Amino acid sequence: MNIVYTAEALATGEGRNGHARTSDGRLDLNLAIPKEMGGSGDGTNPEQLFAAGYAACFHSALQMVARAEKANVADSAVGARVGIGPNGAGGFGLAVTLEVSLPHLSHDQAVELTEKAHQVCPYSNATRGNIEVTLEVTKEDD
């Protein structure tokens, strides 16, 4: 693979109750364990960061696929939900749901583009076979 960009970040403090900063300083924030996991919830957490990154990356993949097919993806949106929980083997695992809205396409067209985007998105390729990723395409009346 020919690497064209590398992001760098450093986490300090107490992991999930610490601080994270990118090498360029554009991301610089406090981290906190969510209340649902026994923490204060007074900061962001890795799952929120992963959800934001996956949603943005998948949306870009969706737009790239749509351009190639000349599909109207105006007003499109991608939401990501990242869940964390015990994996049954003493550790923790993640599960992702991507919710895709393509209001100017038929449901079948939207599903087809979403599935194609799932094949080219770097986050989808990185997680495939490692975590459960569910694709949900909203219907026009949702």
C-alpha atoms as a PDB file:
ATOM      1  CA  MET A   1       0.000   0.000   0.000  1.00  0.00           C
ATOM      2  CA  ASN A   2       1.244   3.475  -0.885  1.00  0.00           C
ATOM      3  CA  ILE A   3       0.628   5.639   2.217  1.00  0.00           C
ATOM      4  CA  VAL A   4      -0.429   9.165   1.181  1.00  0.00           C
ATOM      5  CA  TYR A   5      -1.204  10.566   4.641  1.00  0.00           C
ATOM      6  CA  THR A   6      -0.476   9.595   8.234  1.00  0.00           C
ATOM      7  CA  ALA A   7      -2.351  10.992  11.225  1.00  0.00           C
ATOM      8  CA  GLU A   8      -0.561  11.158  14.557  1.00  0.00           C
ATOM      9  CA  ALA A   9      -2.100  11.451  18.005  1.00  0.00           C
ATOM     10  CA  LEU A  10      -0.837  11.044  21.545  1.00  0.00           C
ATOM     11  CA  ALA A  11      -2.906   9.986  24.551  1.00  0.00           C
ATOM     12  CA  THR A  12      -1.669  10.912  28.024  1.00  0.00           C
ATOM     13  CA  GLY A  13      -3.014  10.740  31.551  1.00  0.00           C
ATOM     14  CA  GLU A  14      -5.105   7.768  32.596  1.00  0.00           C
ATOM     15  CA  GLY A  15      -6.184   6.402  29.215  1.00  0.00           C
ATOM     16  CA  ARG A  16      -9.948   6.873  28.999  1.00  0.00           C
ATOM     17  CA  ASN A  17      -9.658   9.506  31.752  1.00  0.00           C
ATOM     18  CA  GLY A  18      -6.860  11.427  30.131  1.00  0.00           C
ATOM     19  CA  HIS A  19      -6.099  13.732  27.271  1.00  0.00           C
ATOM     20  CA  ALA A  20      -5.617  13.275  23.538  1.00  0.00           C
ATOM     21  CA  ARG A  21      -3.933  15.586  21.090  1.00  0.00           C
ATOM     22  CA  THR A  22      -2.975  15.306  17.439  1.00  0.00           C
ATOM     23  CA  SER A  23       0.536  16.241  16.362  1.00  0.00           C
ATOM     24  CA  ASP A  24      -0.782  19.291  14.496  1.00  0.00           C
ATOM     25  CA  GLY A  25      -2.872  20.449  17.491  1.00  0.00           C
ATOM     26  CA  ARG A  26      -6.149  20.515  15.540  1.00  0.00           C
ATOM     27  CA  LEU A  27      -7.625  17.964  17.922  1.00  0.00           C
ATOM     28  CA  ASP A  28      -6.843  18.639  21.574  1.00  0.00           C
ATOM     29  CA  LEU A  29      -9.338  17.343  24.119  1.00  0.00           C
ATOM     30  CA  ASN A  30      -9.994  15.783  27.471  1.00  0.00           C
ATOM     31  CA  LEU A  31     -11.207  12.208  27.649  1.00  0.00           C
ATOM     32  CA  ALA A  32     -13.590  10.738  30.195  1.00  0.00           C
ATOM     33  CA  ILE A  33     -15.198   7.380  30.763  1.00  0.00           C
ATOM     34  CA  PRO A  34     -18.931   7.551  29.894  1.00  0.00           C
ATOM     35  CA  LYS A  35     -21.388   7.573  32.794  1.00  0.00           C
ATOM     36  CA  GLU A  36     -22.828   4.295  31.455  1.00  0.00           C
ATOM     37  CA  MET A  37     -19.439   2.688  32.144  1.00  0.00           C
ATOM     38  CA  GLY A  38     -19.049   4.177  35.618  1.00  0.00           C
ATOM     39  CA  GLY A  39     -17.205   7.355  34.692  1.00  0.00           C
ATOM     40  CA  SER A  40     -17.955  11.058  34.941  1.00  0.00           C
ATOM     41  CA  GLY A  41     -18.875  11.533  31.290  1.00  0.00           C
ATOM     42  CA  ASP A  42     -17.202  14.957  31.488  1.00  0.00           C
ATOM     43  CA  GLY A  43     -15.217  14.543  28.277  1.00  0.00           C
ATOM     44  CA  THR A  44     -15.341  12.731  24.992  1.00  0.00           C
ATOM     45  CA  ASN A  45     -14.447   9.069  24.688  1.00  0.00           C
ATOM     46  CA  PRO A  46     -12.767   6.844  22.095  1.00  0.00           C
ATOM     47  CA  GLU A  47     -16.098   5.459  20.873  1.00  0.00           C
ATOM     48  CA  GLN A  48     -17.372   8.965  20.055  1.00  0.00           C
ATOM     49  CA  LEU A  49     -14.176   9.735  18.178  1.00  0.00           C
ATOM     50  CA  PHE A  50     -14.410   6.462  16.260  1.00  0.00           C
ATOM     51  CA  ALA A  51     -18.085   7.124  15.450  1.00  0.00           C
ATOM     52  CA  ALA A  52     -17.293  10.590  14.081  1.00  0.00           C
ATOM     53  CA  GLY A  53     -14.379   9.312  12.019  1.00  0.00           C
ATOM     54  CA  TYR A  54     -16.264   6.323  10.620  1.00  0.00           C
ATOM     55  CA  ALA A  55     -19.330   8.434   9.740  1.00  0.00           C
ATOM     56  CA  ALA A  56     -17.229  11.026   7.906  1.00  0.00           C
ATOM     57  CA  CYS A  57     -15.111   8.454   6.085  1.00  0.00           C
ATOM     58  CA  PHE A  58     -18.129   6.381   5.045  1.00  0.00           C
ATOM     59  CA  HIS A  59     -19.929   9.512   3.829  1.00  0.00           C
ATOM     60  CA  SER A  60     -16.949  10.340   1.618  1.00  0.00           C
ATOM     61  CA  ALA A  61     -16.905   6.780   0.232  1.00  0.00           C
ATOM     62  CA  LEU A  62     -20.633   7.029  -0.437  1.00  0.00           C
ATOM     63  CA  GLN A  63     -20.194  10.299  -2.328  1.00  0.00           C
ATOM     64  CA  MET A  64     -17.317   8.856  -4.365  1.00  0.00           C
ATOM     65  CA  VAL A  65     -19.405   5.834  -5.406  1.00  0.00           C
ATOM     66  CA  ALA A  66     -22.384   8.079  -6.167  1.00  0.00           C
ATOM     67  CA  ARG A  67     -20.301  10.369  -8.406  1.00  0.00           C
ATOM     68  CA  ALA A  68     -19.127   7.373 -10.416  1.00  0.00           C
ATOM     69  CA  GLU A  69     -22.748   6.319 -10.913  1.00  0.00           C
ATOM     70  CA  LYS A  70     -24.065   9.869 -11.389  1.00  0.00           C
ATOM     71  CA  ALA A  71     -26.473   9.393  -8.485  1.00  0.00           C
ATOM     72  CA  ASN A  72     -28.007  12.362  -6.691  1.00  0.00           C
ATOM     73  CA  VAL A  73     -26.675  12.333  -3.127  1.00  0.00           C
ATOM     74  CA  ALA A  74     -27.579  15.930  -2.283  1.00  0.00           C
ATOM     75  CA  ASP A  75     -28.700  16.261   1.350  1.00  0.00           C
ATOM     76  CA  SER A  76     -27.175  12.877   2.199  1.00  0.00           C
ATOM     77  CA  ALA A  77     -26.000  12.055   5.698  1.00  0.00           C
ATOM     78  CA  VAL A  78     -24.308   9.202   7.537  1.00  0.00           C
ATOM     79  CA  GLY A  79     -24.668   8.618  11.252  1.00  0.00           C
ATOM     80  CA  ALA A  80     -22.584   6.124  13.201  1.00  0.00           C
ATOM     81  CA  ARG A  81     -23.363   4.429  16.495  1.00  0.00           C
ATOM     82  CA  VAL A  82     -20.446   2.649  18.170  1.00  0.00           C
ATOM     83  CA  GLY A  83     -21.259   0.301  21.011  1.00  0.00           C
ATOM     84  CA  ILE A  84     -18.779  -1.235  23.430  1.00  0.00           C
ATOM     85  CA  GLY A  85     -19.248  -4.191  25.719  1.00  0.00           C
ATOM     86  CA  PRO A  86     -17.681  -7.353  27.122  1.00  0.00           C
ATOM     87  CA  ASN A  87     -16.701  -9.821  24.405  1.00  0.00           C
ATOM     88  CA  GLY A  88     -17.138 -12.952  26.527  1.00  0.00           C
ATOM     89  CA  ALA A  89     -13.412 -13.718  26.480  1.00  0.00           C
ATOM     90  CA  GLY A  90     -12.296 -11.342  29.229  1.00  0.00           C
ATOM     91  CA  GLY A  91     -11.918  -8.299  26.990  1.00  0.00           C
ATOM     92  CA  PHE A  92     -14.153  -5.818  25.245  1.00  0.00           C
ATOM     93  CA  GLY A  93     -15.465  -5.528  21.707  1.00  0.00           C
ATOM     94  CA  LEU A  94     -17.133  -2.968  19.499  1.00  0.00           C
ATOM     95  CA  ALA A  95     -20.205  -3.022  17.295  1.00  0.00           C
ATOM     96  CA  VAL A  96     -21.059  -0.342  14.738  1.00  0.00           C
ATOM     97  CA  THR A  97     -24.302   0.694  13.104  1.00  0.00           C
ATOM     98  CA  LEU A  98     -24.092   3.059  10.139  1.00  0.00           C
ATOM     99  CA  GLU A  99     -27.331   4.858   9.316  1.00  0.00           C
ATOM    100  CA  VAL A 100     -27.384   6.249   5.795  1.00  0.00           C
ATOM    101  CA  SER A 101     -29.841   8.834   4.479  1.00  0.00           C
ATOM    102  CA  LEU A 102     -30.090   9.367   0.724  1.00  0.00           C
ATOM    103  CA  PRO A 103     -33.372  11.285   0.371  1.00  0.00           C
ATOM    104  CA  HIS A 104     -33.258  11.742  -3.418  1.00  0.00           C
ATOM    105  CA  LEU A 105     -32.847   8.054  -4.271  1.00  0.00           C
ATOM    106  CA  SER A 106     -35.211   5.112  -4.153  1.00  0.00           C
ATOM    107  CA  HIS A 107     -34.664   2.796  -1.207  1.00  0.00           C
ATOM    108  CA  ASP A 108     -33.229   0.112  -3.509  1.00  0.00           C
ATOM    109  CA  GLN A 109     -30.790   2.576  -5.109  1.00  0.00           C
ATOM    110  CA  ALA A 110     -29.755   3.833  -1.678  1.00  0.00           C
ATOM    111  CA  VAL A 111     -29.124   0.294  -0.413  1.00  0.00           C
ATOM    112  CA  GLU A 112     -27.045  -0.525  -3.498  1.00  0.00           C
ATOM    113  CA  LEU A 113     -24.865   2.593  -3.143  1.00  0.00           C
ATOM    114  CA  THR A 114     -24.464   1.991   0.595  1.00  0.00           C
ATOM    115  CA  GLU A 115     -23.273  -1.569   0.005  1.00  0.00           C
ATOM    116  CA  LYS A 116     -20.814  -0.369  -2.639  1.00  0.00           C
ATOM    117  CA  ALA A 117     -19.494   2.325  -0.301  1.00  0.00           C
ATOM    118  CA  HIS A 118     -19.003  -0.342   2.378  1.00  0.00           C
ATOM    119  CA  GLN A 119     -16.595  -2.116   0.008  1.00  0.00           C
ATOM    120  CA  VAL A 120     -14.392   0.952  -0.584  1.00  0.00           C
ATOM    121  CA  CYS A 121     -14.493   2.802   2.759  1.00  0.00           C
ATOM    122  CA  PRO A 122     -11.142   2.443   4.585  1.00  0.00           C
ATOM    123  CA  TYR A 123     -12.888   2.114   7.970  1.00  0.00           C
ATOM    124  CA  SER A 124     -15.143  -0.624   6.605  1.00  0.00           C
ATOM    125  CA  ASN A 125     -12.146  -2.424   5.153  1.00  0.00           C
ATOM    126  CA  ALA A 126     -10.266  -2.129   8.440  1.00  0.00           C
ATOM    127  CA  THR A 127     -13.132  -3.454  10.544  1.00  0.00           C
ATOM    128  CA  ARG A 128     -14.443  -6.160   8.161  1.00  0.00           C
ATOM    129  CA  GLY A 129     -14.297  -9.521   9.890  1.00  0.00           C
ATOM    130  CA  ASN A 130     -13.196  -7.920  13.167  1.00  0.00           C
ATOM    131  CA  ILE A 131     -16.348  -6.240  14.452  1.00  0.00           C
ATOM    132  CA  GLU A 132     -20.020  -6.357  13.598  1.00  0.00           C
ATOM    133  CA  VAL A 133     -21.008  -3.513  11.264  1.00  0.00           C
ATOM    134  CA  THR A 134     -24.698  -3.078  10.477  1.00  0.00           C
ATOM    135  CA  LEU A 135     -25.801  -0.916   7.549  1.00  0.00           C
ATOM    136  CA  GLU A 136     -29.186   0.800   7.900  1.00  0.00           C
ATOM    137  CA  VAL A 137     -30.585   2.787   5.011  1.00  0.00           C
ATOM    138  CA  THR A 138     -33.416   5.065   6.023  1.00  0.00           C
ATOM    139  CA  LYS A 139     -36.579   5.095   3.955  1.00  0.00           C
ATOM    140  CA  GLU A 140     -38.060   8.357   2.700  1.00  0.00           C
ATOM    141  CA  ASP A 141     -40.811   8.250   5.327  1.00  0.00           C
ATOM    142  CA  ASP A 142     -38.377   7.636   8.236  1.00  0.00           C
END
